[in-house]
Amino acid sequence: MRRLEDLTDADLAAAYEPSDRSAPHLRANFVSSLDGAVEIDGQSKALSSESDSRLFSRIRMLADVVMVGAGTIRDEGYNPLRLSAASREWRRASGLPENPTLVVVSSRLELSPVNPIFQSAVRPIVVTHSASPHERREALAEVAEVLVLGTTEVDLKAVVHELGERGMPQILCEGGPHLLGSLTELDLVDELCLTLAPLLAGPGSGRITAGPTSVTRRMTLTSVLTADDGYVFLRYLREA
């Protein structure tokens, strides 16, 4: 077990960098209270800390794609996706585009074209299905690439395949619970980075995953980091 404070940003990047960037890999990154709450007063930000934010930024830096459900975009008040100058410099030196691409998964397309996320450094991709409202697709096409995959629901397997075909196989899922539940059901989650906040949130909040289907996927713990503020950072990979 290592202390986060003993590691430089370069150490963190090396620790979480995939061994083969060309191989498709879907990593989910979530924070939870000790008693399993995914949010406090409707937002996961209340569970975060300076140490969590530091690791969060390093994990984002390594991704080709940041995948988020539309509900999380609305609930969390997402900012435009633009990395720091230091992260952009690291990506340039590593032969990567300066910023990852934001991919928003949405069935109903209840997103305003003036949402700040559409001011991200790279033009976002909105993924939906063919039964979604056509007029909303047209409106969002003005500010993003609209990708239609699936008939009555988003075909997440096709999404992962399409991103890989575009040279973006390193996918980071940042939420929300329903998106993680769907990815888990389809056995698409290769890795889970779970931050445990030293808080008891009490009853009422949901978990980091949600959905109608109950599935079991076994994961292997590969690393544990602790921070001086009491946060614990767990990294799990799918069992071989």
C-alpha atoms as a PDB file:
ATOM      1  CA  MET A   1       0.000   0.000   0.000  1.00  0.00           C
ATOM      2  CA  ARG A   2       1.382   3.392  -1.015  1.00  0.00           C
ATOM      3  CA  ARG A   3       0.634   6.968  -0.031  1.00  0.00           C
ATOM      4  CA  LEU A   4      -0.625   9.275  -2.746  1.00  0.00           C
ATOM      5  CA  GLU A   5       1.509  12.085  -1.339  1.00  0.00           C
ATOM      6  CA  ASP A   6       4.677  10.035  -1.943  1.00  0.00           C
ATOM      7  CA  LEU A   7       3.992   9.857  -5.684  1.00  0.00           C
ATOM      8  CA  THR A   8       4.669  12.541  -8.272  1.00  0.00           C
ATOM      9  CA  ASP A   9       2.188  13.223 -11.066  1.00  0.00           C
ATOM     10  CA  ALA A  10       4.552  11.318 -13.379  1.00  0.00           C
ATOM     11  CA  ASP A  11       4.482   8.356 -10.972  1.00  0.00           C
ATOM     12  CA  LEU A  12       0.672   8.366 -11.007  1.00  0.00           C
ATOM     13  CA  ALA A  13       0.543   8.517 -14.792  1.00  0.00           C
ATOM     14  CA  ALA A  14       2.956   5.585 -15.054  1.00  0.00           C
ATOM     15  CA  ALA A  15       0.991   3.580 -12.487  1.00  0.00           C
ATOM     16  CA  TYR A  16      -2.310   3.969 -14.335  1.00  0.00           C
ATOM     17  CA  GLU A  17      -1.048   4.021 -17.927  1.00  0.00           C
ATOM     18  CA  PRO A  18      -2.357   0.991 -19.882  1.00  0.00           C
ATOM     19  CA  SER A  19       0.318  -1.472 -20.945  1.00  0.00           C
ATOM     20  CA  ASP A  20      -0.962  -1.448 -24.538  1.00  0.00           C
ATOM     21  CA  ARG A  21      -2.737   1.713 -25.671  1.00  0.00           C
ATOM     22  CA  SER A  22      -3.811   0.063 -28.930  1.00  0.00           C
ATOM     23  CA  ALA A  23      -5.870  -2.584 -27.109  1.00  0.00           C
ATOM     24  CA  PRO A  24      -9.495  -1.614 -26.325  1.00  0.00           C
ATOM     25  CA  HIS A  25      -9.894  -0.875 -22.630  1.00  0.00           C
ATOM     26  CA  LEU A  26     -12.866   0.591 -20.768  1.00  0.00           C
ATOM     27  CA  ARG A  27     -12.030   2.065 -17.374  1.00  0.00           C
ATOM     28  CA  ALA A  28     -14.722   3.353 -15.017  1.00  0.00           C
ATOM     29  CA  ASN A  29     -13.856   5.925 -12.357  1.00  0.00           C
ATOM     30  CA  PHE A  30     -16.275   6.527  -9.458  1.00  0.00           C
ATOM     31  CA  VAL A  31     -16.293   7.873  -5.915  1.00  0.00           C
ATOM     32  CA  SER A  32     -18.391   6.441  -3.095  1.00  0.00           C
ATOM     33  CA  SER A  33     -18.958   7.049   0.600  1.00  0.00           C
ATOM     34  CA  LEU A  34     -17.978   4.303   3.044  1.00  0.00           C
ATOM     35  CA  ASP A  35     -21.602   3.170   3.204  1.00  0.00           C
ATOM     36  CA  GLY A  36     -22.007   3.032  -0.564  1.00  0.00           C
ATOM     37  CA  ALA A  37     -23.562   6.391  -1.469  1.00  0.00           C
ATOM     38  CA  VAL A  38     -22.803   7.694  -4.952  1.00  0.00           C
ATOM     39  CA  GLU A  39     -23.751  11.284  -4.095  1.00  0.00           C
ATOM     40  CA  ILE A  40     -24.723  13.728  -1.386  1.00  0.00           C
ATOM     41  CA  ASP A  41     -27.567  16.149  -2.094  1.00  0.00           C
ATOM     42  CA  GLY A  42     -27.678  14.975  -5.687  1.00  0.00           C
ATOM     43  CA  GLN A  43     -24.019  15.428  -6.629  1.00  0.00           C
ATOM     44  CA  SER A  44     -20.923  13.236  -6.416  1.00  0.00           C
ATOM     45  CA  LYS A  45     -18.740  16.354  -6.101  1.00  0.00           C
ATOM     46  CA  ALA A  46     -19.676  16.514  -2.417  1.00  0.00           C
ATOM     47  CA  LEU A  47     -17.785  13.236  -1.938  1.00  0.00           C
ATOM     48  CA  SER A  48     -14.605  14.461  -3.614  1.00  0.00           C
ATOM     49  CA  SER A  49     -11.465  16.035  -2.156  1.00  0.00           C
ATOM     50  CA  GLU A  50      -8.203  17.588  -3.263  1.00  0.00           C
ATOM     51  CA  SER A  51      -6.498  14.194  -3.326  1.00  0.00           C
ATOM     52  CA  ASP A  52      -9.361  12.655  -5.296  1.00  0.00           C
ATOM     53  CA  SER A  53      -9.268  15.525  -7.781  1.00  0.00           C
ATOM     54  CA  ARG A  54      -5.539  15.050  -8.257  1.00  0.00           C
ATOM     55  CA  LEU A  55      -5.860  11.384  -9.180  1.00  0.00           C
ATOM     56  CA  PHE A  56      -9.002  12.104 -11.210  1.00  0.00           C
ATOM     57  CA  SER A  57      -7.077  14.538 -13.418  1.00  0.00           C
ATOM     58  CA  ARG A  58      -4.274  12.025 -14.009  1.00  0.00           C
ATOM     59  CA  ILE A  59      -6.741   9.300 -14.998  1.00  0.00           C
ATOM     60  CA  ARG A  60      -8.507  11.693 -17.368  1.00  0.00           C
ATOM     61  CA  MET A  61      -5.166  12.619 -18.917  1.00  0.00           C
ATOM     62  CA  LEU A  62      -4.619   9.002 -19.974  1.00  0.00           C
ATOM     63  CA  ALA A  63      -7.943   8.576 -21.793  1.00  0.00           C
ATOM     64  CA  ASP A  64      -8.723   8.832 -25.491  1.00  0.00           C
ATOM     65  CA  VAL A  65     -12.404   9.263 -24.647  1.00  0.00           C
ATOM     66  CA  VAL A  66     -14.314  10.461 -21.596  1.00  0.00           C
ATOM     67  CA  MET A  67     -17.744   8.787 -21.703  1.00  0.00           C
ATOM     68  CA  VAL A  68     -20.604  10.232 -19.644  1.00  0.00           C
ATOM     69  CA  GLY A  69     -24.345   9.685 -19.524  1.00  0.00           C
ATOM     70  CA  ALA A  70     -26.535  12.685 -20.325  1.00  0.00           C
ATOM     71  CA  GLY A  71     -28.175  12.537 -16.880  1.00  0.00           C
ATOM     72  CA  THR A  72     -24.801  12.954 -15.205  1.00  0.00           C
ATOM     73  CA  ILE A  73     -24.025  15.899 -17.467  1.00  0.00           C
ATOM     74  CA  ARG A  74     -27.233  17.576 -16.287  1.00  0.00           C
ATOM     75  CA  ASP A  75     -27.044  16.607 -12.609  1.00  0.00           C
ATOM     76  CA  GLU A  76     -23.369  17.331 -12.024  1.00  0.00           C
ATOM     77  CA  GLY A  77     -23.142  20.552 -14.017  1.00  0.00           C
ATOM     78  CA  TYR A  78     -20.234  19.320 -16.137  1.00  0.00           C
ATOM     79  CA  ASN A  79     -17.726  21.886 -17.336  1.00  0.00           C
ATOM     80  CA  PRO A  80     -16.253  21.872 -20.845  1.00  0.00           C
ATOM     81  CA  LEU A  81     -13.625  19.152 -21.216  1.00  0.00           C
ATOM     82  CA  ARG A  82     -10.268  20.919 -21.374  1.00  0.00           C
ATOM     83  CA  LEU A  83      -7.161  19.553 -19.706  1.00  0.00           C
ATOM     84  CA  SER A  84      -4.609  21.629 -17.832  1.00  0.00           C
ATOM     85  CA  ALA A  85      -1.514  22.931 -19.597  1.00  0.00           C
ATOM     86  CA  ALA A  86       0.647  20.319 -17.852  1.00  0.00           C
ATOM     87  CA  SER A  87      -1.647  17.487 -18.926  1.00  0.00           C
ATOM     88  CA  ARG A  88      -1.740  18.735 -22.513  1.00  0.00           C
ATOM     89  CA  GLU A  89       2.048  18.907 -22.552  1.00  0.00           C
ATOM     90  CA  TRP A  90       2.275  15.316 -21.271  1.00  0.00           C
ATOM     91  CA  ARG A  91      -0.127  14.129 -23.965  1.00  0.00           C
ATOM     92  CA  ARG A  92       1.789  15.923 -26.719  1.00  0.00           C
ATOM     93  CA  ALA A  93       5.039  14.340 -25.527  1.00  0.00           C
ATOM     94  CA  SER A  94       3.296  10.952 -25.570  1.00  0.00           C
ATOM     95  CA  GLY A  95       2.093  11.393 -29.154  1.00  0.00           C
ATOM     96  CA  LEU A  96      -1.550  11.921 -28.169  1.00  0.00           C
ATOM     97  CA  PRO A  97      -4.022  14.682 -29.063  1.00  0.00           C
ATOM     98  CA  GLU A  98      -3.904  17.482 -26.507  1.00  0.00           C
ATOM     99  CA  ASN A  99      -7.361  16.660 -25.134  1.00  0.00           C
ATOM    100  CA  PRO A 100      -9.532  13.558 -25.009  1.00  0.00           C
ATOM    101  CA  THR A 101     -12.913  13.521 -26.739  1.00  0.00           C
ATOM    102  CA  LEU A 102     -16.081  13.819 -24.677  1.00  0.00           C
ATOM    103  CA  VAL A 103     -18.696  11.196 -25.591  1.00  0.00           C
ATOM    104  CA  VAL A 104     -22.202  11.731 -24.201  1.00  0.00           C
ATOM    105  CA  VAL A 105     -24.581   8.761 -24.190  1.00  0.00           C
ATOM    106  CA  SER A 106     -28.233   9.809 -24.406  1.00  0.00           C
ATOM    107  CA  SER A 107     -31.471   8.012 -25.269  1.00  0.00           C
ATOM    108  CA  ARG A 108     -33.850  10.977 -25.077  1.00  0.00           C
ATOM    109  CA  LEU A 109     -31.387  13.697 -26.104  1.00  0.00           C
ATOM    110  CA  GLU A 110     -32.552  15.979 -23.295  1.00  0.00           C
ATOM    111  CA  LEU A 111     -29.524  18.210 -23.710  1.00  0.00           C
ATOM    112  CA  SER A 112     -29.516  21.878 -24.601  1.00  0.00           C
ATOM    113  CA  PRO A 113     -27.206  22.893 -27.479  1.00  0.00           C
ATOM    114  CA  VAL A 114     -26.050  25.787 -25.261  1.00  0.00           C
ATOM    115  CA  ASN A 115     -24.850  23.462 -22.495  1.00  0.00           C
ATOM    116  CA  PRO A 116     -21.238  24.419 -21.595  1.00  0.00           C
ATOM    117  CA  ILE A 117     -19.957  20.926 -22.439  1.00  0.00           C
ATOM    118  CA  PHE A 118     -20.309  21.775 -26.109  1.00  0.00           C
ATOM    119  CA  GLN A 119     -17.520  24.310 -25.630  1.00  0.00           C
ATOM    120  CA  SER A 120     -15.044  21.490 -24.926  1.00  0.00           C
ATOM    121  CA  ALA A 121     -11.615  21.667 -26.557  1.00  0.00           C
ATOM    122  CA  VAL A 122     -12.564  18.824 -28.927  1.00  0.00           C
ATOM    123  CA  ARG A 123     -15.982  18.714 -30.604  1.00  0.00           C
ATOM    124  CA  PRO A 124     -17.997  16.251 -28.482  1.00  0.00           C
ATOM    125  CA  ILE A 125     -19.762  13.156 -29.768  1.00  0.00           C
ATOM    126  CA  VAL A 126     -23.373  12.533 -28.724  1.00  0.00           C
ATOM    127  CA  VAL A 127     -24.384   8.879 -29.070  1.00  0.00           C
ATOM    128  CA  THR A 128     -28.053   7.995 -29.351  1.00  0.00           C
ATOM    129  CA  HIS A 129     -30.352   5.501 -31.095  1.00  0.00           C
ATOM    130  CA  SER A 130     -32.587   5.734 -34.160  1.00  0.00           C
ATOM    131  CA  ALA A 131     -35.799   6.121 -32.104  1.00  0.00           C
ATOM    132  CA  SER A 132     -34.582   9.309 -30.414  1.00  0.00           C
ATOM    133  CA  PRO A 133     -36.317  12.607 -31.357  1.00  0.00           C
ATOM    134  CA  HIS A 134     -35.155  13.648 -34.822  1.00  0.00           C
ATOM    135  CA  GLU A 135     -35.510  17.378 -34.153  1.00  0.00           C
ATOM    136  CA  ARG A 136     -33.252  17.114 -31.095  1.00  0.00           C
ATOM    137  CA  ARG A 137     -30.676  15.266 -33.157  1.00  0.00           C
ATOM    138  CA  GLU A 138     -30.701  18.082 -35.699  1.00  0.00           C
ATOM    139  CA  ALA A 139     -30.295  20.738 -33.001  1.00  0.00           C
ATOM    140  CA  LEU A 140     -27.386  18.940 -31.330  1.00  0.00           C
ATOM    141  CA  ALA A 141     -25.702  18.307 -34.685  1.00  0.00           C
ATOM    142  CA  GLU A 142     -24.942  22.028 -34.763  1.00  0.00           C
ATOM    143  CA  VAL A 143     -22.630  21.716 -31.755  1.00  0.00           C
ATOM    144  CA  ALA A 144     -21.542  18.051 -31.735  1.00  0.00           C
ATOM    145  CA  GLU A 145     -21.200  14.978 -33.872  1.00  0.00           C
ATOM    146  CA  VAL A 146     -24.360  12.922 -33.412  1.00  0.00           C
ATOM    147  CA  LEU A 147     -23.728   9.208 -33.734  1.00  0.00           C
ATOM    148  CA  VAL A 148     -26.754   6.900 -34.070  1.00  0.00           C
ATOM    149  CA  LEU A 149     -26.080   3.356 -32.879  1.00  0.00           C
ATOM    150  CA  GLY A 150     -28.973   1.076 -31.966  1.00  0.00           C
ATOM    151  CA  THR A 151     -32.681   1.002 -32.746  1.00  0.00           C
ATOM    152  CA  THR A 152     -34.599   1.620 -29.495  1.00  0.00           C
ATOM    153  CA  GLU A 153     -31.634   1.912 -27.111  1.00  0.00           C
ATOM    154  CA  VAL A 154     -27.989   2.849 -27.482  1.00  0.00           C
ATOM    155  CA  ASP A 155     -25.895  -0.129 -28.603  1.00  0.00           C
ATOM    156  CA  LEU A 156     -22.978   0.243 -26.199  1.00  0.00           C
ATOM    157  CA  LYS A 157     -21.026  -2.634 -27.712  1.00  0.00           C
ATOM    158  CA  ALA A 158     -21.212  -0.855 -31.054  1.00  0.00           C
ATOM    159  CA  VAL A 159     -20.111   2.388 -29.377  1.00  0.00           C
ATOM    160  CA  VAL A 160     -16.985   0.773 -27.927  1.00  0.00           C
ATOM    161  CA  HIS A 161     -16.227  -0.854 -31.283  1.00  0.00           C
ATOM    162  CA  GLU A 162     -16.739   2.403 -33.207  1.00  0.00           C
ATOM    163  CA  LEU A 163     -14.457   4.378 -30.908  1.00  0.00           C
ATOM    164  CA  GLY A 164     -11.765   1.731 -31.298  1.00  0.00           C
ATOM    165  CA  GLU A 165     -12.104   1.898 -35.075  1.00  0.00           C
ATOM    166  CA  ARG A 166     -11.575   5.651 -34.847  1.00  0.00           C
ATOM    167  CA  GLY A 167      -8.302   5.152 -32.985  1.00  0.00           C
ATOM    168  CA  MET A 168      -9.755   5.920 -29.542  1.00  0.00           C
ATOM    169  CA  PRO A 169      -9.671   2.570 -27.708  1.00  0.00           C
ATOM    170  CA  GLN A 170      -8.896   3.958 -24.231  1.00  0.00           C
ATOM    171  CA  ILE A 171     -12.332   4.816 -22.818  1.00  0.00           C
ATOM    172  CA  LEU A 172     -12.906   6.378 -19.405  1.00  0.00           C
ATOM    173  CA  CYS A 173     -16.468   6.177 -18.077  1.00  0.00           C
ATOM    174  CA  GLU A 174     -17.233   8.843 -15.466  1.00  0.00           C
ATOM    175  CA  GLY A 175     -20.893   8.014 -14.881  1.00  0.00           C
ATOM    176  CA  GLY A 176     -23.582   7.828 -14.170  1.00  0.00           C
ATOM    177  CA  PRO A 177     -24.860   4.754 -12.353  1.00  0.00           C
ATOM    178  CA  HIS A 178     -27.248   3.670 -15.115  1.00  0.00           C
ATOM    179  CA  LEU A 179     -24.496   3.857 -17.718  1.00  0.00           C
ATOM    180  CA  LEU A 180     -22.166   1.805 -15.497  1.00  0.00           C
ATOM    181  CA  GLY A 181     -24.961  -0.707 -14.915  1.00  0.00           C
ATOM    182  CA  SER A 182     -25.511  -1.117 -18.648  1.00  0.00           C
ATOM    183  CA  LEU A 183     -21.787  -1.454 -19.350  1.00  0.00           C
ATOM    184  CA  THR A 184     -21.488  -4.051 -16.577  1.00  0.00           C
ATOM    185  CA  GLU A 185     -24.447  -6.038 -17.874  1.00  0.00           C
ATOM    186  CA  LEU A 186     -22.773  -6.226 -21.296  1.00  0.00           C
ATOM    187  CA  ASP A 187     -19.423  -7.194 -19.705  1.00  0.00           C
ATOM    188  CA  LEU A 188     -17.699  -4.152 -21.182  1.00  0.00           C
ATOM    189  CA  VAL A 189     -15.999  -2.920 -17.995  1.00  0.00           C
ATOM    190  CA  ASP A 190     -12.306  -3.827 -18.004  1.00  0.00           C
ATOM    191  CA  GLU A 191     -11.319  -1.753 -14.982  1.00  0.00           C
ATOM    192  CA  LEU A 192     -12.873   0.056 -12.039  1.00  0.00           C
ATOM    193  CA  CYS A 193     -11.086   2.833 -10.190  1.00  0.00           C
ATOM    194  CA  LEU A 194     -13.040   3.352  -6.972  1.00  0.00           C
ATOM    195  CA  THR A 195     -12.399   6.176  -4.527  1.00  0.00           C
ATOM    196  CA  LEU A 196     -13.667   5.622  -0.983  1.00  0.00           C
ATOM    197  CA  ALA A 197     -14.474   8.885   0.781  1.00  0.00           C
ATOM    198  CA  PRO A 198     -14.119   8.755   4.594  1.00  0.00           C
ATOM    199  CA  LEU A 199     -17.773   9.675   5.080  1.00  0.00           C
ATOM    200  CA  LEU A 200     -20.992   8.010   6.161  1.00  0.00           C
ATOM    201  CA  ALA A 201     -23.775   9.457   4.017  1.00  0.00           C
ATOM    202  CA  GLY A 202     -26.668   7.613   5.623  1.00  0.00           C
ATOM    203  CA  PRO A 203     -29.679   6.142   3.796  1.00  0.00           C
ATOM    204  CA  GLY A 204     -31.361   7.557   0.723  1.00  0.00           C
ATOM    205  CA  SER A 205     -28.652   7.790  -1.910  1.00  0.00           C
ATOM    206  CA  GLY A 206     -28.210   5.355  -4.772  1.00  0.00           C
ATOM    207  CA  ARG A 207     -25.107   3.283  -5.478  1.00  0.00           C
ATOM    208  CA  ILE A 208     -22.472   3.799  -8.168  1.00  0.00           C
ATOM    209  CA  THR A 209     -24.404   1.381 -10.385  1.00  0.00           C
ATOM    210  CA  ALA A 210     -28.083   1.140 -11.281  1.00  0.00           C
ATOM    211  CA  GLY A 211     -30.396  -0.700 -13.645  1.00  0.00           C
ATOM    212  CA  PRO A 212     -32.997  -3.442 -13.852  1.00  0.00           C
ATOM    213  CA  THR A 213     -30.687  -6.407 -14.344  1.00  0.00           C
ATOM    214  CA  SER A 214     -28.618  -8.094 -11.647  1.00  0.00           C
ATOM    215  CA  VAL A 215     -25.256  -9.417 -12.867  1.00  0.00           C
ATOM    216  CA  THR A 216     -22.023 -10.506 -11.218  1.00  0.00           C
ATOM    217  CA  ARG A 217     -18.608  -9.705 -12.684  1.00  0.00           C
ATOM    218  CA  ARG A 218     -15.551 -10.702 -10.686  1.00  0.00           C
ATOM    219  CA  MET A 219     -12.698  -8.198 -10.497  1.00  0.00           C
ATOM    220  CA  THR A 220      -9.144  -8.433  -9.136  1.00  0.00           C
ATOM    221  CA  LEU A 221      -7.668  -5.788  -6.841  1.00  0.00           C
ATOM    222  CA  THR A 222      -4.394  -4.577  -8.369  1.00  0.00           C
ATOM    223  CA  SER A 223      -3.452  -1.489  -6.350  1.00  0.00           C
ATOM    224  CA  VAL A 224      -4.347   0.502  -3.252  1.00  0.00           C
ATOM    225  CA  LEU A 225      -3.395   4.109  -2.561  1.00  0.00           C
ATOM    226  CA  THR A 226      -4.115   6.044   0.620  1.00  0.00           C
ATOM    227  CA  ALA A 227      -4.127   9.783   1.171  1.00  0.00           C
ATOM    228  CA  ASP A 228      -3.457  11.860   4.252  1.00  0.00           C
ATOM    229  CA  ASP A 229      -7.052  13.158   4.164  1.00  0.00           C
ATOM    230  CA  GLY A 230      -8.375   9.633   4.743  1.00  0.00           C
ATOM    231  CA  TYR A 231      -9.347   8.832   1.154  1.00  0.00           C
ATOM    232  CA  VAL A 232      -8.563   5.379  -0.256  1.00  0.00           C
ATOM    233  CA  PHE A 233      -8.097   4.702  -3.966  1.00  0.00           C
ATOM    234  CA  LEU A 234      -8.760   1.163  -5.201  1.00  0.00           C
ATOM    235  CA  ARG A 235      -7.980  -0.134  -8.659  1.00  0.00           C
ATOM    236  CA  TYR A 236      -9.616  -3.318  -9.936  1.00  0.00           C
ATOM    237  CA  LEU A 237      -9.123  -5.140 -13.245  1.00  0.00           C
ATOM    238  CA  ARG A 238     -11.414  -7.763 -14.740  1.00  0.00           C
ATOM    239  CA  GLU A 239     -10.445 -11.247 -13.651  1.00  0.00           C
ATOM    240  CA  ALA A 240      -8.397 -13.044 -16.292  1.00  0.00           C
END
